Amino acid sequence: MILQVLVPLAHGFEEIEATCPIDLLRRAEVEVVTASSEEDLTVIGRSGIPVRADRFLADLSAEKFEMLVLPGGPAVFEMRKKPVFIELIKSFDSQDKPIGAICAAPVLLHDAGLLENTSFTAHSTMVDELEMMRDDQAVVIDGRFITSRGAGTAVEFGLALVNYLCGEVKASQIRKSIHA
């Protein structure tokens, strides 16, 4: 069985936080589907880098995927205004599927009501909204939730996702192959 991961993208997503985990998961032979929440498959990142998504988010459902990965960046603040994202997160949660969130994206987990009694981290600028976040680790894993601090922790975040889905041996092989 080929594992599938969903990565939704909206204009203003943080490119490193999306592409690094996508790359590492694909190296682990996980099928990663990028999904545009925009009217076009081409989504523009926060640094102006266009990325062509595989599919439209509206055409997909959580049932097909084993994991949801949410990149951060300014897009998060627009995403939280759209009920489709919170519904998607809740759908993954109701199916007991893992969710990864990096940078500002853990605020979406908060909006979905999923961070109570959960250890997590996020970008330092989110501390006012996410007062209980940890700031002593690059990646925090608590049950099905994998969170990370930001662009500078994207490799560790991606490797944690690989480890969660594919195991420590595969994550170690990839870590070694990229000299991380």
Protein backbone atom coordinates (compact mmCIF):
# COMPACT_ATOMS: atom_id res chain seq x y z
CA MET A 1 0.00 0.00 0.00
CA ILE A 2 1.36 3.41 -0.95
CA LEU A 3 0.99 5.97 1.80
CA GLN A 4 -0.57 9.28 0.76
CA VAL A 5 -0.12 12.68 2.38
CA LEU A 6 -2.13 15.81 1.65
CA VAL A 7 -0.45 19.24 1.62
CA PRO A 8 -2.95 22.07 1.04
CA LEU A 9 -1.52 25.29 -0.39
CA ALA A 10 -2.87 28.84 -0.34
CA HIS A 11 -1.29 32.03 -1.67
CA GLY A 12 1.37 33.18 0.77
CA PHE A 13 2.43 29.71 1.99
CA GLU A 14 6.03 29.47 3.22
CA GLU A 15 7.85 27.72 0.38
CA ILE A 16 10.55 26.03 2.47
CA GLU A 17 8.00 24.70 4.93
CA ALA A 18 6.02 23.08 2.13
CA THR A 19 8.67 21.90 -0.32
CA CYS A 20 11.16 20.51 2.18
CA PRO A 21 8.70 18.07 3.82
CA ILE A 22 7.26 17.21 0.39
CA ASP A 23 10.74 16.38 -0.90
CA LEU A 24 11.69 14.28 2.12
CA LEU A 25 8.40 12.37 2.12
CA ARG A 26 8.75 11.63 -1.58
CA ARG A 27 12.30 10.38 -0.99
CA ALA A 28 10.67 7.96 1.46
CA GLU A 29 8.39 6.83 -1.38
CA VAL A 30 5.30 8.43 0.13
CA GLU A 31 2.84 9.85 -2.38
CA VAL A 32 2.40 13.52 -1.55
CA VAL A 33 -0.52 15.36 -3.14
CA THR A 34 -0.34 19.13 -3.15
CA ALA A 35 -3.75 20.77 -3.28
CA SER A 36 -4.52 24.32 -4.31
CA SER A 37 -7.20 26.11 -2.34
CA GLU A 38 -7.12 28.87 -4.94
CA GLU A 39 -8.96 29.21 -8.27
CA ASP A 40 -5.83 28.14 -10.16
CA LEU A 41 -3.50 25.20 -9.65
CA THR A 42 -0.57 27.62 -9.50
CA VAL A 43 -0.16 28.91 -5.96
CA ILE A 44 2.25 31.75 -5.15
CA GLY A 45 4.36 31.40 -2.03
CA ARG A 46 5.31 34.17 0.40
CA SER A 47 8.58 34.78 -1.47
CA GLY A 48 6.87 34.95 -4.85
CA ILE A 49 7.79 31.43 -5.94
CA PRO A 50 4.97 29.85 -7.97
CA VAL A 51 4.21 26.20 -7.25
CA ARG A 52 1.86 24.18 -9.40
CA ALA A 53 -0.33 22.02 -7.18
CA ASP A 54 -1.31 18.51 -8.20
CA ARG A 55 -5.03 18.94 -7.58
CA PHE A 56 -7.68 21.33 -6.29
CA LEU A 57 -8.43 20.99 -2.59
CA ALA A 58 -12.18 21.09 -3.30
CA ASP A 59 -11.84 17.84 -5.29
CA LEU A 60 -10.29 15.85 -2.43
CA SER A 61 -11.42 14.27 0.83
CA ALA A 62 -9.53 13.25 3.94
CA GLU A 63 -10.49 9.59 3.60
CA LYS A 64 -7.93 9.00 0.84
CA PHE A 65 -4.96 10.24 2.87
CA GLU A 66 -2.94 8.94 5.81
CA MET A 67 -1.63 12.34 6.93
CA LEU A 68 -2.27 16.07 6.60
CA VAL A 69 0.69 18.49 6.49
CA LEU A 70 0.09 22.22 6.93
CA PRO A 71 2.86 24.64 5.93
CA GLY A 72 2.97 28.04 7.57
CA GLY A 73 3.54 31.53 6.25
CA PRO A 74 1.16 34.46 5.81
CA ALA A 75 -1.31 32.12 4.07
CA VAL A 76 -2.30 30.74 7.47
CA PHE A 77 -4.06 33.97 8.40
CA GLU A 78 -6.25 33.75 5.29
CA MET A 79 -6.75 30.00 5.71
CA ARG A 80 -8.17 30.44 9.18
CA LYS A 81 -10.92 32.64 7.73
CA LYS A 82 -12.10 29.80 5.48
CA PRO A 83 -14.17 27.07 7.17
CA VAL A 84 -12.97 24.49 4.62
CA PHE A 85 -9.56 24.33 6.33
CA ILE A 86 -10.91 23.85 9.83
CA GLU A 87 -13.35 21.22 8.51
CA LEU A 88 -10.46 19.43 6.77
CA ILE A 89 -8.40 19.40 9.97
CA LYS A 90 -11.36 18.14 12.00
CA SER A 91 -11.97 15.42 9.40
CA PHE A 92 -8.41 14.13 9.75
CA ASP A 93 -8.70 14.32 13.54
CA SER A 94 -12.04 12.47 13.63
CA GLN A 95 -10.38 9.64 11.69
CA ASP A 96 -7.43 9.57 14.13
CA LYS A 97 -5.02 10.50 11.34
CA PRO A 98 -1.78 12.36 12.02
CA ILE A 99 -1.46 16.06 11.32
CA GLY A 100 1.77 17.98 10.84
CA ALA A 101 1.85 21.76 11.22
CA ILE A 102 4.83 24.10 11.03
CA CYS A 103 5.44 27.79 11.81
CA ALA A 104 2.11 29.64 12.13
CA ALA A 105 0.05 26.62 11.02
CA PRO A 106 -0.45 25.21 14.55
CA VAL A 107 -2.87 28.11 15.07
CA LEU A 108 -5.18 26.24 12.66
CA LEU A 109 -5.05 23.25 15.00
CA HIS A 110 -5.89 25.62 17.84
CA ASP A 111 -8.83 27.04 15.85
CA ALA A 112 -10.05 23.46 15.34
CA GLY A 113 -9.92 22.90 19.09
CA LEU A 114 -7.18 20.28 18.95
CA LEU A 115 -4.36 21.70 21.06
CA GLU A 116 -5.90 21.50 24.51
CA ASN A 117 -3.80 19.13 26.64
CA THR A 118 -1.36 18.72 23.74
CA SER A 119 2.33 19.53 23.75
CA PHE A 120 3.22 21.53 20.63
CA THR A 121 5.45 24.23 19.19
CA ALA A 122 5.05 26.99 16.62
CA HIS A 123 6.76 30.12 15.35
CA SER A 124 7.70 32.52 18.15
CA THR A 125 5.41 35.22 16.74
CA MET A 126 2.41 33.03 17.61
CA VAL A 127 3.06 33.07 21.37
CA ASP A 128 0.24 35.55 22.10
CA GLU A 129 -2.33 33.16 20.61
CA LEU A 130 -0.58 29.94 21.51
CA GLU A 131 0.62 30.70 25.02
CA MET A 132 1.22 27.03 25.90
CA MET A 133 3.58 26.35 22.99
CA ARG A 134 6.98 24.93 23.72
CA ASP A 135 10.00 26.89 22.56
CA ASP A 136 12.70 24.43 23.60
CA GLN A 137 12.49 22.03 20.64
CA ALA A 138 12.55 22.36 16.85
CA VAL A 139 9.92 19.63 16.48
CA VAL A 140 7.39 18.45 19.05
CA ILE A 141 5.48 15.19 18.60
CA ASP A 142 2.51 14.51 20.84
CA GLY A 143 0.41 11.57 19.77
CA ARG A 144 -0.77 12.23 16.21
CA PHE A 145 0.37 15.87 16.17
CA ILE A 146 3.77 16.81 14.76
CA THR A 147 4.55 20.52 15.07
CA SER A 148 7.61 22.59 14.27
CA ARG A 149 8.94 26.12 14.74
CA GLY A 150 9.47 27.49 11.22
CA ALA A 151 11.46 27.58 8.00
CA GLY A 152 14.76 26.88 9.77
CA THR A 153 13.35 23.66 11.19
CA ALA A 154 11.81 22.37 7.95
CA VAL A 155 14.34 19.55 7.48
CA GLU A 156 13.85 18.26 11.03
CA PHE A 157 10.08 18.59 10.57
CA GLY A 158 10.17 16.66 7.27
CA LEU A 159 12.32 13.92 8.77
CA ALA A 160 9.94 13.67 11.74
CA LEU A 161 7.05 13.18 9.31
CA VAL A 162 9.01 10.45 7.51
CA ASN A 163 9.84 8.80 10.82
CA TYR A 164 6.19 8.89 11.88
CA LEU A 165 4.90 7.32 8.64
CA CYS A 166 7.79 5.11 7.54
CA GLY A 167 9.82 4.42 10.65
CA GLU A 168 13.15 5.34 12.14
CA VAL A 169 15.23 3.28 9.70
CA LYS A 170 13.84 5.09 6.63
CA ALA A 171 14.17 8.50 8.31
CA SER A 172 17.77 7.69 9.27
CA GLN A 173 18.59 6.61 5.71
CA ILE A 174 17.22 9.86 4.31
CA ARG A 175 18.93 11.94 7.01
CA LYS A 176 22.25 10.34 6.08
CA SER A 177 21.69 10.72 2.34
CA ILE A 178 21.10 14.48 2.64
CA HIS A 179 23.85 15.02 5.23
CA ALA A 180 21.46 16.37 7.84
